[in-house]
C-alpha atoms as a PDB file:
ATOM      1  CA  MET A   1      -3.719 -25.286  -4.574  1.00  0.00           C
ATOM      2  CA  SER A   2      -7.039 -23.876  -5.416  1.00  0.00           C
ATOM      3  CA  VAL A   3      -8.855 -20.639  -6.497  1.00  0.00           C
ATOM      4  CA  GLU A   4     -11.568 -19.328  -4.454  1.00  0.00           C
ATOM      5  CA  ILE A   5     -13.389 -16.914  -6.490  1.00  0.00           C
ATOM      6  CA  ARG A   6     -15.141 -14.402  -4.609  1.00  0.00           C
ATOM      7  CA  ASN A   7     -16.347 -11.955  -7.010  1.00  0.00           C
ATOM      8  CA  GLU A   8     -17.636 -13.267 -10.476  1.00  0.00           C
ATOM      9  CA  ARG A   9     -15.193  -9.885 -11.758  1.00  0.00           C
ATOM     10  CA  PHE A  10     -12.307 -11.969 -11.231  1.00  0.00           C
ATOM     11  CA  ARG A  11     -13.053 -14.562 -14.129  1.00  0.00           C
ATOM     12  CA  SER A  12     -13.481 -11.382 -16.701  1.00  0.00           C
ATOM     13  CA  VAL A  13      -9.128 -11.548 -15.579  1.00  0.00           C
ATOM     14  CA  VAL A  14      -8.345 -14.985 -15.259  1.00  0.00           C
ATOM     15  CA  GLY A  15     -10.649 -16.982 -16.736  1.00  0.00           C
ATOM     16  CA  ASP A  16     -12.839 -20.140 -15.587  1.00  0.00           C
ATOM     17  CA  ALA A  17      -9.803 -22.000 -14.485  1.00  0.00           C
ATOM     18  CA  PRO A  18      -6.853 -20.157 -13.512  1.00  0.00           C
ATOM     19  CA  GLU A  19      -3.570 -21.644 -12.946  1.00  0.00           C
ATOM     20  CA  ILE A  20      -1.073 -21.133  -9.695  1.00  0.00           C
ATOM     21  CA  GLU A  21       2.263 -20.952 -10.991  1.00  0.00           C
ATOM     22  CA  ARG A  22       5.247 -20.121  -8.772  1.00  0.00           C
ATOM     23  CA  ILE A  23       7.627 -17.911 -10.439  1.00  0.00           C
ATOM     24  CA  ALA A  24      10.226 -17.525  -7.618  1.00  0.00           C
ATOM     25  CA  THR A  25      10.786 -18.500  -4.208  1.00  0.00           C
ATOM     26  CA  GLY A  26      13.873 -18.054  -1.847  1.00  0.00           C
ATOM     27  CA  PHE A  27      12.674 -14.661   0.169  1.00  0.00           C
ATOM     28  CA  LEU A  28      12.308 -13.798   3.718  1.00  0.00           C
ATOM     29  CA  PHE A  29       8.577 -12.411   3.256  1.00  0.00           C
ATOM     30  CA  THR A  30       7.127 -10.696   0.367  1.00  0.00           C
ATOM     31  CA  GLU A  31       5.034  -7.912   0.392  1.00  0.00           C
ATOM     32  CA  GLY A  32       3.402  -5.227  -1.856  1.00  0.00           C
ATOM     33  CA  PRO A  33       3.203  -6.749  -5.596  1.00  0.00           C
ATOM     34  CA  LEU A  34       2.997  -4.754  -8.436  1.00  0.00           C
ATOM     35  CA  TRP A  35       2.704  -5.351 -12.156  1.00  0.00           C
ATOM     36  CA  HIS A  36       3.939  -3.037 -14.955  1.00  0.00           C
ATOM     37  CA  ALA A  37       1.785  -3.771 -17.526  1.00  0.00           C
ATOM     38  CA  ARG A  38       3.169  -2.288 -20.571  1.00  0.00           C
ATOM     39  CA  ASP A  39       6.767  -3.385 -19.807  1.00  0.00           C
ATOM     40  CA  GLU A  40       5.155  -6.826 -18.121  1.00  0.00           C
ATOM     41  CA  TYR A  41       7.434  -6.798 -15.111  1.00  0.00           C
ATOM     42  CA  LEU A  42       6.066  -7.180 -11.520  1.00  0.00           C
ATOM     43  CA  LEU A  43       7.797  -5.516  -8.380  1.00  0.00           C
ATOM     44  CA  PHE A  44       7.898  -7.049  -5.013  1.00  0.00           C
ATOM     45  CA  SER A  45       9.223  -6.149  -1.455  1.00  0.00           C
ATOM     46  CA  ASP A  46      11.232  -8.364   0.375  1.00  0.00           C
ATOM     47  CA  MET A  47      10.793  -6.855   3.239  1.00  0.00           C
ATOM     48  CA  PRO A  48      12.929  -8.132   5.799  1.00  0.00           C
ATOM     49  CA  GLY A  49      15.760  -8.393   3.797  1.00  0.00           C
ATOM     50  CA  ASP A  50      15.525  -4.552   2.837  1.00  0.00           C
ATOM     51  CA  HIS A  51      15.077  -5.536  -0.891  1.00  0.00           C
ATOM     52  CA  LEU A  52      13.144  -4.164  -3.660  1.00  0.00           C
ATOM     53  CA  ARG A  53      13.202  -6.919  -6.449  1.00  0.00           C
ATOM     54  CA  LYS A  54      11.867  -6.989  -9.803  1.00  0.00           C
ATOM     55  CA  TRP A  55      10.626  -9.826 -11.880  1.00  0.00           C
ATOM     56  CA  SER A  56      10.315 -10.636 -15.904  1.00  0.00           C
ATOM     57  CA  ARG A  57      10.172 -13.869 -17.319  1.00  0.00           C
ATOM     58  CA  GLN A  58      13.368 -12.851 -19.830  1.00  0.00           C
ATOM     59  CA  SER A  59      15.653 -12.109 -16.703  1.00  0.00           C
ATOM     60  CA  GLY A  60      14.063 -13.828 -13.738  1.00  0.00           C
ATOM     61  CA  VAL A  61      14.097 -11.766 -10.442  1.00  0.00           C
ATOM     62  CA  THR A  62      16.704  -8.942 -10.268  1.00  0.00           C
ATOM     63  CA  THR A  63      17.148  -6.356  -7.832  1.00  0.00           C
ATOM     64  CA  PHE A  64      15.290  -2.849  -8.491  1.00  0.00           C
ATOM     65  CA  ARG A  65      16.446  -1.481  -5.366  1.00  0.00           C
ATOM     66  CA  LYS A  66      18.439  -2.363  -2.168  1.00  0.00           C
ATOM     67  CA  PRO A  67      18.381  -0.763   0.282  1.00  0.00           C
ATOM     68  CA  CYS A  68      14.551   0.065  -0.029  1.00  0.00           C
ATOM     69  CA  ALA A  69      13.979   1.509   3.792  1.00  0.00           C
ATOM     70  CA  GLN A  70      11.819  -2.096   4.140  1.00  0.00           C
ATOM     71  CA  SER A  71       9.462  -0.934   1.801  1.00  0.00           C
ATOM     72  CA  ASN A  72       6.267  -2.675   1.932  1.00  0.00           C
ATOM     73  CA  GLY A  73       2.917  -1.245  -0.412  1.00  0.00           C
ATOM     74  CA  LEU A  74       3.720  -0.029  -4.045  1.00  0.00           C
ATOM     75  CA  ALA A  75       1.613   1.444  -6.446  1.00  0.00           C
ATOM     76  CA  TRP A  76       1.935   3.698  -9.435  1.00  0.00           C
ATOM     77  CA  ASP A  77       0.877   7.319  -9.729  1.00  0.00           C
ATOM     78  CA  ARG A  78      -1.411   8.524 -12.794  1.00  0.00           C
ATOM     79  CA  GLN A  79       1.526   9.550 -14.781  1.00  0.00           C
ATOM     80  CA  GLY A  80       3.258   6.023 -13.961  1.00  0.00           C
ATOM     81  CA  ARG A  81       5.469   6.974 -10.947  1.00  0.00           C
ATOM     82  CA  LEU A  82       6.563   4.207  -8.384  1.00  0.00           C
ATOM     83  CA  VAL A  83       4.392   5.151  -5.198  1.00  0.00           C
ATOM     84  CA  VAL A  84       6.336   3.517  -2.189  1.00  0.00           C
ATOM     85  CA  CYS A  85       5.492   2.409   1.652  1.00  0.00           C
ATOM     86  CA  GLU A  86       8.675   2.454   3.820  1.00  0.00           C
ATOM     87  CA  HIS A  87       8.750   0.995   7.039  1.00  0.00           C
ATOM     88  CA  ALA A  88      12.079   1.753   8.166  1.00  0.00           C
ATOM     89  CA  THR A  89      11.403   5.578   7.400  1.00  0.00           C
ATOM     90  CA  SER A  90       7.836   5.767   8.183  1.00  0.00           C
ATOM     91  CA  ARG A  91       7.194   7.760   4.688  1.00  0.00           C
ATOM     92  CA  LEU A  92       5.289   7.240   2.263  1.00  0.00           C
ATOM     93  CA  THR A  93       7.639   8.191  -1.393  1.00  0.00           C
ATOM     94  CA  ARG A  94       7.526   8.694  -4.867  1.00  0.00           C
ATOM     95  CA  THR A  95      10.307   7.851  -7.339  1.00  0.00           C
ATOM     96  CA  GLU A  96      10.766  10.260  -9.784  1.00  0.00           C
ATOM     97  CA  ALA A  97      12.029   9.756 -13.398  1.00  0.00           C
ATOM     98  CA  ASP A  98      15.737  10.555 -12.632  1.00  0.00           C
ATOM     99  CA  GLY A  99      15.064   7.845  -9.735  1.00  0.00           C
ATOM    100  CA  ARG A 100      15.090  10.936  -6.904  1.00  0.00           C
ATOM    101  CA  SER A 101      12.864  10.007  -4.255  1.00  0.00           C
ATOM    102  CA  THR A 102      10.208  12.387  -3.339  1.00  0.00           C
ATOM    103  CA  THR A 103       8.530  12.398   0.287  1.00  0.00           C
ATOM    104  CA  LEU A 104       5.308  12.710  -0.069  1.00  0.00           C
ATOM    105  CA  ALA A 105       4.089  12.178   3.356  1.00  0.00           C
ATOM    106  CA  SER A 106       6.277  11.463   6.979  1.00  0.00           C
ATOM    107  CA  HIS A 107       4.248  13.327   9.498  1.00  0.00           C
ATOM    108  CA  ARG A 108       0.969  13.960  11.255  1.00  0.00           C
ATOM    109  CA  ASP A 109       0.501  16.951  13.534  1.00  0.00           C
ATOM    110  CA  GLY A 110       3.905  17.382  13.742  1.00  0.00           C
ATOM    111  CA  LYS A 111       4.616  13.560  14.635  1.00  0.00           C
ATOM    112  CA  GLU A 112       6.326  10.974  12.520  1.00  0.00           C
ATOM    113  CA  LEU A 113       3.884   8.598  11.488  1.00  0.00           C
ATOM    114  CA  ASN A 114       3.854   4.795  12.432  1.00  0.00           C
ATOM    115  CA  SER A 115       4.848   2.658   9.075  1.00  0.00           C
ATOM    116  CA  PRO A 116       3.069   3.356   5.955  1.00  0.00           C
ATOM    117  CA  ASN A 117       1.876   0.044   4.604  1.00  0.00           C
ATOM    118  CA  ASP A 118      -0.222  -0.541   2.171  1.00  0.00           C
ATOM    119  CA  VAL A 119      -0.875   2.555  -0.998  1.00  0.00           C
ATOM    120  CA  VAL A 120      -3.408   3.279  -3.556  1.00  0.00           C
ATOM    121  CA  VAL A 121      -4.156   5.598  -5.868  1.00  0.00           C
ATOM    122  CA  LYS A 122      -7.431   7.048  -6.993  1.00  0.00           C
ATOM    123  CA  SER A 123      -8.594   7.477 -10.904  1.00  0.00           C
ATOM    124  CA  ASP A 124      -8.237  11.075  -9.671  1.00  0.00           C
ATOM    125  CA  GLY A 125      -4.800  11.041  -8.559  1.00  0.00           C
ATOM    126  CA  ALA A 126      -5.391  11.044  -4.877  1.00  0.00           C
ATOM    127  CA  ILE A 127      -3.689   8.572  -2.444  1.00  0.00           C
ATOM    128  CA  TYR A 128      -4.816   6.560  -0.018  1.00  0.00           C
ATOM    129  CA  PHE A 129      -2.756   4.590   2.649  1.00  0.00           C
ATOM    130  CA  SER A 130      -2.720   2.812   5.652  1.00  0.00           C
ATOM    131  CA  ASP A 131      -0.723   3.713   8.547  1.00  0.00           C
ATOM    132  CA  PRO A 132      -0.205   0.449  11.177  1.00  0.00           C
ATOM    133  CA  THR A 133       2.688   0.124  13.456  1.00  0.00           C
ATOM    134  CA  TYR A 134       4.243  -3.304  12.072  1.00  0.00           C
ATOM    135  CA  GLY A 135       7.286  -1.202  10.734  1.00  0.00           C
ATOM    136  CA  ARG A 136       8.068  -0.756  13.886  1.00  0.00           C
ATOM    137  CA  MET A 137       8.637  -4.262  14.865  1.00  0.00           C
ATOM    138  CA  PRO A 138      11.984  -6.076  14.944  1.00  0.00           C
ATOM    139  CA  GLY A 139      12.299  -7.660  11.441  1.00  0.00           C
ATOM    140  CA  PHE A 140       9.692  -5.653   9.939  1.00  0.00           C
ATOM    141  CA  GLY A 141      11.531  -2.355   9.981  1.00  0.00           C
ATOM    142  CA  VAL A 142      13.342  -0.327  13.006  1.00  0.00           C
ATOM    143  CA  GLU A 143      12.237  -0.862  16.091  1.00  0.00           C
ATOM    144  CA  ARG A 144      10.689   2.243  17.967  1.00  0.00           C
ATOM    145  CA  GLU A 145       8.017   3.280  19.986  1.00  0.00           C
ATOM    146  CA  PRO A 146       5.140   4.821  17.673  1.00  0.00           C
ATOM    147  CA  GLU A 147       4.486   8.808  18.134  1.00  0.00           C
ATOM    148  CA  GLN A 148       1.027   8.603  16.975  1.00  0.00           C
ATOM    149  CA  PRO A 149      -1.917   8.035  19.187  1.00  0.00           C
ATOM    150  CA  VAL A 150      -4.035   5.856  16.300  1.00  0.00           C
ATOM    151  CA  GLN A 151      -3.060   3.327  13.489  1.00  0.00           C
ATOM    152  CA  GLY A 152      -5.183   5.280  10.702  1.00  0.00           C
ATOM    153  CA  VAL A 153      -5.824   5.400   6.811  1.00  0.00           C
ATOM    154  CA  TYR A 154      -4.882   8.601   5.322  1.00  0.00           C
ATOM    155  CA  ARG A 155      -6.364  10.078   2.246  1.00  0.00           C
ATOM    156  CA  LEU A 156      -3.413  12.415  -0.097  1.00  0.00           C
ATOM    157  CA  PRO A 157      -5.281  15.500  -2.082  1.00  0.00           C
ATOM    158  CA  PRO A 158      -4.545  14.775  -5.905  1.00  0.00           C
ATOM    159  CA  GLY A 159      -1.459  17.219  -6.386  1.00  0.00           C
ATOM    160  CA  GLY A 160      -0.649  17.549  -2.562  1.00  0.00           C
ATOM    161  CA  ARG A 161       2.201  19.099  -1.704  1.00  0.00           C
ATOM    162  CA  PRO A 162       5.259  16.889  -0.144  1.00  0.00           C
ATOM    163  CA  ASP A 163       3.961  16.652   3.411  1.00  0.00           C
ATOM    164  CA  ALA A 164       0.849  18.421   3.011  1.00  0.00           C
ATOM    165  CA  HIS A 165      -1.781  17.999   5.840  1.00  0.00           C
ATOM    166  CA  LEU A 166      -3.013  14.567   5.305  1.00  0.00           C
ATOM    167  CA  ASP A 167      -7.003  15.020   4.998  1.00  0.00           C
ATOM    168  CA  ALA A 168      -8.444  12.094   6.901  1.00  0.00           C
ATOM    169  CA  TRP A 169      -8.059   9.091   8.924  1.00  0.00           C
ATOM    170  CA  LEU A 170      -9.782   6.055  10.295  1.00  0.00           C
ATOM    171  CA  ALA A 171      -8.237   4.772  13.477  1.00  0.00           C
ATOM    172  CA  ARG A 172      -7.024   1.405  13.999  1.00  0.00           C
ATOM    173  CA  ALA A 173      -7.104   0.101  10.557  1.00  0.00           C
ATOM    174  CA  SER A 174      -4.597  -2.312   8.615  1.00  0.00           C
ATOM    175  CA  ARG A 175      -5.098  -2.241   5.292  1.00  0.00           C
ATOM    176  CA  CYS A 176      -6.242  -0.338   2.369  1.00  0.00           C
ATOM    177  CA  ARG A 177      -8.246  -1.307  -0.484  1.00  0.00           C
ATOM    178  CA  ILE A 178     -10.169   0.103  -3.111  1.00  0.00           C
ATOM    179  CA  PRO A 179     -12.595  -1.817  -5.318  1.00  0.00           C
ATOM    180  CA  ALA A 180     -13.433  -0.302  -8.723  1.00  0.00           C
ATOM    181  CA  MET A 181     -11.901   3.062  -6.862  1.00  0.00           C
ATOM    182  CA  LEU A 182     -14.638   3.677  -5.032  1.00  0.00           C
ATOM    183  CA  ASP A 183     -14.931   2.271  -1.859  1.00  0.00           C
ATOM    184  CA  CYS A 184     -12.242   1.846   0.705  1.00  0.00           C
ATOM    185  CA  HIS A 185     -12.441  -1.628   3.248  1.00  0.00           C
ATOM    186  CA  ALA A 186     -10.283  -1.403   6.215  1.00  0.00           C
ATOM    187  CA  PRO A 187     -10.288  -4.483   8.480  1.00  0.00           C
ATOM    188  CA  SER A 188      -8.819  -3.619  11.973  1.00  0.00           C
ATOM    189  CA  ALA A 189      -5.429  -4.204  13.066  1.00  0.00           C
ATOM    190  CA  ALA A 190      -6.388  -4.454  16.545  1.00  0.00           C
ATOM    191  CA  THR A 191     -10.140  -6.842  16.523  1.00  0.00           C
ATOM    192  CA  ALA A 192     -10.391  -8.814  13.904  1.00  0.00           C
ATOM    193  CA  THR A 193     -13.772  -8.821  14.404  1.00  0.00           C
ATOM    194  CA  ARG A 194     -15.074  -5.069  13.593  1.00  0.00           C
ATOM    195  CA  SER A 195     -14.131  -3.279  10.469  1.00  0.00           C
ATOM    196  CA  TRP A 196     -15.430  -0.182   8.777  1.00  0.00           C
ATOM    197  CA  LEU A 197     -16.405   0.602   5.338  1.00  0.00           C
ATOM    198  CA  LEU A 198     -15.414   4.032   3.351  1.00  0.00           C
ATOM    199  CA  SER A 199     -17.126   5.172   0.557  1.00  0.00           C
ATOM    200  CA  THR A 200     -15.772   8.662  -1.689  1.00  0.00           C
ATOM    201  CA  SER A 201     -18.097   7.475  -4.170  1.00  0.00           C
ATOM    202  CA  ALA A 202     -20.738  10.104  -3.736  1.00  0.00           C
ATOM    203  CA  CYS A 203     -18.077  13.096  -3.662  1.00  0.00           C
ATOM    204  CA  PRO A 204     -14.730  11.714  -5.228  1.00  0.00           C
ATOM    205  CA  THR A 205     -12.669  14.818  -3.788  1.00  0.00           C
ATOM    206  CA  ALA A 206     -14.358  14.400  -0.441  1.00  0.00           C
ATOM    207  CA  ASN A 207     -12.484  13.317   3.028  1.00  0.00           C
ATOM    208  CA  LEU A 208     -13.149   9.686   4.090  1.00  0.00           C
ATOM    209  CA  LYS A 209     -16.081   9.472   6.027  1.00  0.00           C
ATOM    210  CA  ALA A 210     -16.415   5.970   8.077  1.00  0.00           C
ATOM    211  CA  SER A 211     -20.008   3.988   8.155  1.00  0.00           C
ATOM    212  CA  THR A 212     -20.973   2.403  11.035  1.00  0.00           C
ATOM    213  CA  PRO A 213     -18.861  -0.477  12.264  1.00  0.00           C
ATOM    214  CA  ARG A 214     -20.059  -4.038  11.375  1.00  0.00           C
ATOM    215  CA  SER A 215     -19.559  -7.190  12.745  1.00  0.00           C
ATOM    216  CA  GLY A 216     -17.947  -9.514  10.395  1.00  0.00           C
END
């Protein structure tokens, strides 16, 4: 298996000749890989299996949480707490140091979110996550009709209250990435040929603003 390097910064992480190693197999559908740099372990969601797993070189694959509300995307916040996108409950949650689960977001405008899918935490503590409808499909969550009129990308402000009103949204987005903690690229779930670029670099505390849609 070859590796295609699309950004030269990748070489600073993996070197000039990265090798692909299969560390585990036998899962249903894996999502949300998250590395813990200090303790050197990997978390990942086996979503249809409702199983959040942990891998380390010492122990191999073990169970981190089961059931896990069919978790998908995972991230660490600035305090090292686990932030989880839950398909089955349509919630974004945070795992506290004592193991309790705190709901960070579950509704917008009084309506249940679709199914939080991908999540990143910015350097200032703001949380960005996408909200497509995949977790309302059979096998990937709990089958039910969406309540939200859009599939959006949301921003939860730093220190935001649980279930606080979410700051901003972009319609028809499927996943959220913030390279260098500055920009968010949100491909359209419904139209593969259109995407939006969003930037928070000018004012890190500002709401997301969409640039002109572009082709490609």
